[in-house]
C-alpha atoms as a PDB file:
ATOM      1  CA  MET A   1       7.121   2.122 -20.901  1.00  0.00           C
ATOM      2  CA  LYS A   2       9.387  -1.042 -20.049  1.00  0.00           C
ATOM      3  CA  PRO A   3      11.171  -0.901 -16.635  1.00  0.00           C
ATOM      4  CA  SER A   4      14.414  -1.285 -18.213  1.00  0.00           C
ATOM      5  CA  LYS A   5      13.973   1.854 -20.233  1.00  0.00           C
ATOM      6  CA  VAL A   6      12.792   3.742 -16.996  1.00  0.00           C
ATOM      7  CA  LYS A   7      15.880   2.391 -15.240  1.00  0.00           C
ATOM      8  CA  TYR A   8      18.175   4.193 -17.784  1.00  0.00           C
ATOM      9  CA  ILE A   9      15.997   7.344 -17.319  1.00  0.00           C
ATOM     10  CA  ARG A  10      16.449   7.140 -13.639  1.00  0.00           C
ATOM     11  CA  TRP A  11      20.274   6.659 -13.951  1.00  0.00           C
ATOM     12  CA  ALA A  12      20.517   9.837 -16.412  1.00  0.00           C
ATOM     13  CA  TYR A  13      18.508  11.973 -13.863  1.00  0.00           C
ATOM     14  CA  THR A  14      20.695  10.673 -11.040  1.00  0.00           C
ATOM     15  CA  GLY A  15      23.732  11.746 -13.063  1.00  0.00           C
ATOM     16  CA  VAL A  16      22.208  15.087 -13.786  1.00  0.00           C
ATOM     17  CA  MET A  17      21.402  15.731 -10.040  1.00  0.00           C
ATOM     18  CA  LEU A  18      25.039  14.626  -8.992  1.00  0.00           C
ATOM     19  CA  LEU A  19      26.383  16.998 -11.827  1.00  0.00           C
ATOM     20  CA  PHE A  20      24.273  19.725 -10.248  1.00  0.00           C
ATOM     21  CA  LEU A  21      25.545  19.003  -6.763  1.00  0.00           C
ATOM     22  CA  LEU A  22      29.207  19.090  -7.967  1.00  0.00           C
ATOM     23  CA  ILE A  23      28.714  22.340  -9.732  1.00  0.00           C
ATOM     24  CA  LEU A  24      27.060  23.743  -6.606  1.00  0.00           C
ATOM     25  CA  TYR A  25      29.825  22.515  -4.524  1.00  0.00           C
ATOM     26  CA  ILE A  26      32.472  24.363  -6.716  1.00  0.00           C
ATOM     27  CA  ILE A  27      30.415  27.490  -6.835  1.00  0.00           C
ATOM     28  CA  ASP A  28      30.259  27.445  -3.109  1.00  0.00           C
ATOM     29  CA  LYS A  29      34.031  26.987  -2.809  1.00  0.00           C
ATOM     30  CA  SER A  30      34.630  29.862  -5.248  1.00  0.00           C
ATOM     31  CA  GLY A  31      32.672  32.339  -3.509  1.00  0.00           C
ATOM     32  CA  TYR A  32      30.480  33.311  -6.480  1.00  0.00           C
ATOM     33  CA  TYR A  33      27.114  33.168  -4.824  1.00  0.00           C
ATOM     34  CA  LYS A  34      24.891  34.481  -7.610  1.00  0.00           C
ATOM     35  CA  LEU A  35      24.467  30.981  -9.130  1.00  0.00           C
ATOM     36  CA  VAL A  36      23.610  29.132  -5.775  1.00  0.00           C
ATOM     37  CA  LEU A  37      19.897  29.947  -5.970  1.00  0.00           C
ATOM     38  CA  PRO A  38      19.432  28.811  -9.804  1.00  0.00           C
ATOM     39  CA  MET A  39      21.542  25.695  -9.264  1.00  0.00           C
ATOM     40  CA  THR A  40      19.381  24.880  -6.339  1.00  0.00           C
ATOM     41  CA  PHE A  41      16.153  25.331  -8.168  1.00  0.00           C
ATOM     42  CA  GLY A  42      17.691  23.052 -10.874  1.00  0.00           C
ATOM     43  CA  ILE A  43      18.356  20.238  -8.376  1.00  0.00           C
ATOM     44  CA  GLY A  44      14.675  20.701  -7.205  1.00  0.00           C
ATOM     45  CA  ILE A  45      13.175  20.685 -10.448  1.00  0.00           C
ATOM     46  CA  THR A  46      15.273  17.628 -11.431  1.00  0.00           C
ATOM     47  CA  ALA A  47      14.137  15.667  -8.367  1.00  0.00           C
ATOM     48  CA  VAL A  48      10.557  16.647  -9.002  1.00  0.00           C
ATOM     49  CA  VAL A  49      10.807  15.444 -12.593  1.00  0.00           C
ATOM     50  CA  MET A  50      12.548  12.278 -11.431  1.00  0.00           C
ATOM     51  CA  ALA A  51       9.740  11.512  -8.835  1.00  0.00           C
ATOM     52  CA  MET A  52       7.115  12.063 -11.586  1.00  0.00           C
ATOM     53  CA  ILE A  53       8.755   9.758 -13.912  1.00  0.00           C
ATOM     54  CA  GLU A  54       9.107   7.089 -11.331  1.00  0.00           C
ATOM     55  CA  LEU A  55       5.537   7.284 -10.086  1.00  0.00           C
ATOM     56  CA  ALA A  56       4.060   7.391 -13.652  1.00  0.00           C
ATOM     57  CA  PHE A  57       6.120   4.618 -15.457  1.00  0.00           C
ATOM     58  CA  TRP A  58       8.051   2.638 -12.798  1.00  0.00           C
ATOM     59  CA  ARG A  59       5.440  -0.103 -12.965  1.00  0.00           C
ATOM     60  CA  CYS A  60       5.162  -3.826 -13.885  1.00  0.00           C
ATOM     61  CA  THR A  61       4.494  -4.411 -17.689  1.00  0.00           C
ATOM     62  CA  TYR A  62       2.108  -7.217 -16.805  1.00  0.00           C
ATOM     63  CA  CYS A  63      -0.073  -6.295 -13.866  1.00  0.00           C
ATOM     64  CA  GLY A  64       0.748  -2.392 -13.417  1.00  0.00           C
ATOM     65  CA  ALA A  65       1.931  -2.519  -9.856  1.00  0.00           C
ATOM     66  CA  TYR A  66       4.365   0.029  -8.726  1.00  0.00           C
ATOM     67  CA  LEU A  67       7.658  -1.487  -8.538  1.00  0.00           C
ATOM     68  CA  GLY A  68       8.728   0.230  -5.383  1.00  0.00           C
ATOM     69  CA  ARG A  69      11.994   1.840  -4.294  1.00  0.00           C
ATOM     70  CA  ALA A  70      14.115  -1.123  -5.545  1.00  0.00           C
ATOM     71  CA  PHE A  71      16.669   0.124  -8.136  1.00  0.00           C
ATOM     72  CA  ASN A  72      16.874  -3.049 -10.270  1.00  0.00           C
ATOM     73  CA  PRO A  73      13.916  -5.468  -9.436  1.00  0.00           C
ATOM     74  CA  GLN A  74      14.088  -8.817 -11.327  1.00  0.00           C
ATOM     75  CA  TYR A  75      10.441  -9.807 -10.516  1.00  0.00           C
ATOM     76  CA  CYS A  76       7.247  -8.115  -9.837  1.00  0.00           C
ATOM     77  CA  HIS A  77       6.454  -8.242  -6.176  1.00  0.00           C
ATOM     78  CA  LYS A  78       2.669  -8.385  -6.914  1.00  0.00           C
ATOM     79  CA  CYS A  79       2.278 -10.835  -9.807  1.00  0.00           C
ATOM     80  CA  GLY A  80       5.677 -12.599  -9.476  1.00  0.00           C
ATOM     81  CA  ARG A  81       6.644 -12.410 -13.294  1.00  0.00           C
ATOM     82  CA  GLU A  82      10.031 -11.800 -14.472  1.00  0.00           C
ATOM     83  CA  LEU A  83      10.676  -8.141 -15.566  1.00  0.00           C
ATOM     84  CA  GLU A  84      12.204  -7.422 -18.945  1.00  0.00           C
END
């Protein structure tokens, strides 16, 4: 998978996690605590899936090196080739 596609998937999962956190904050302020545990599990599952996608697909298309924690790398740190 191309790094540009993985970057969009990372943005989408980040948005989903922020949405979960916003809903969790609203639930906490409203006093309706029955949904706190399911929302916490939703945040955890989203974080685990995001980490799995990153470890599996956040790689250079040329040499296969892991691109690290940089959110928008322009070049591979291992082979030096420009990323798509």
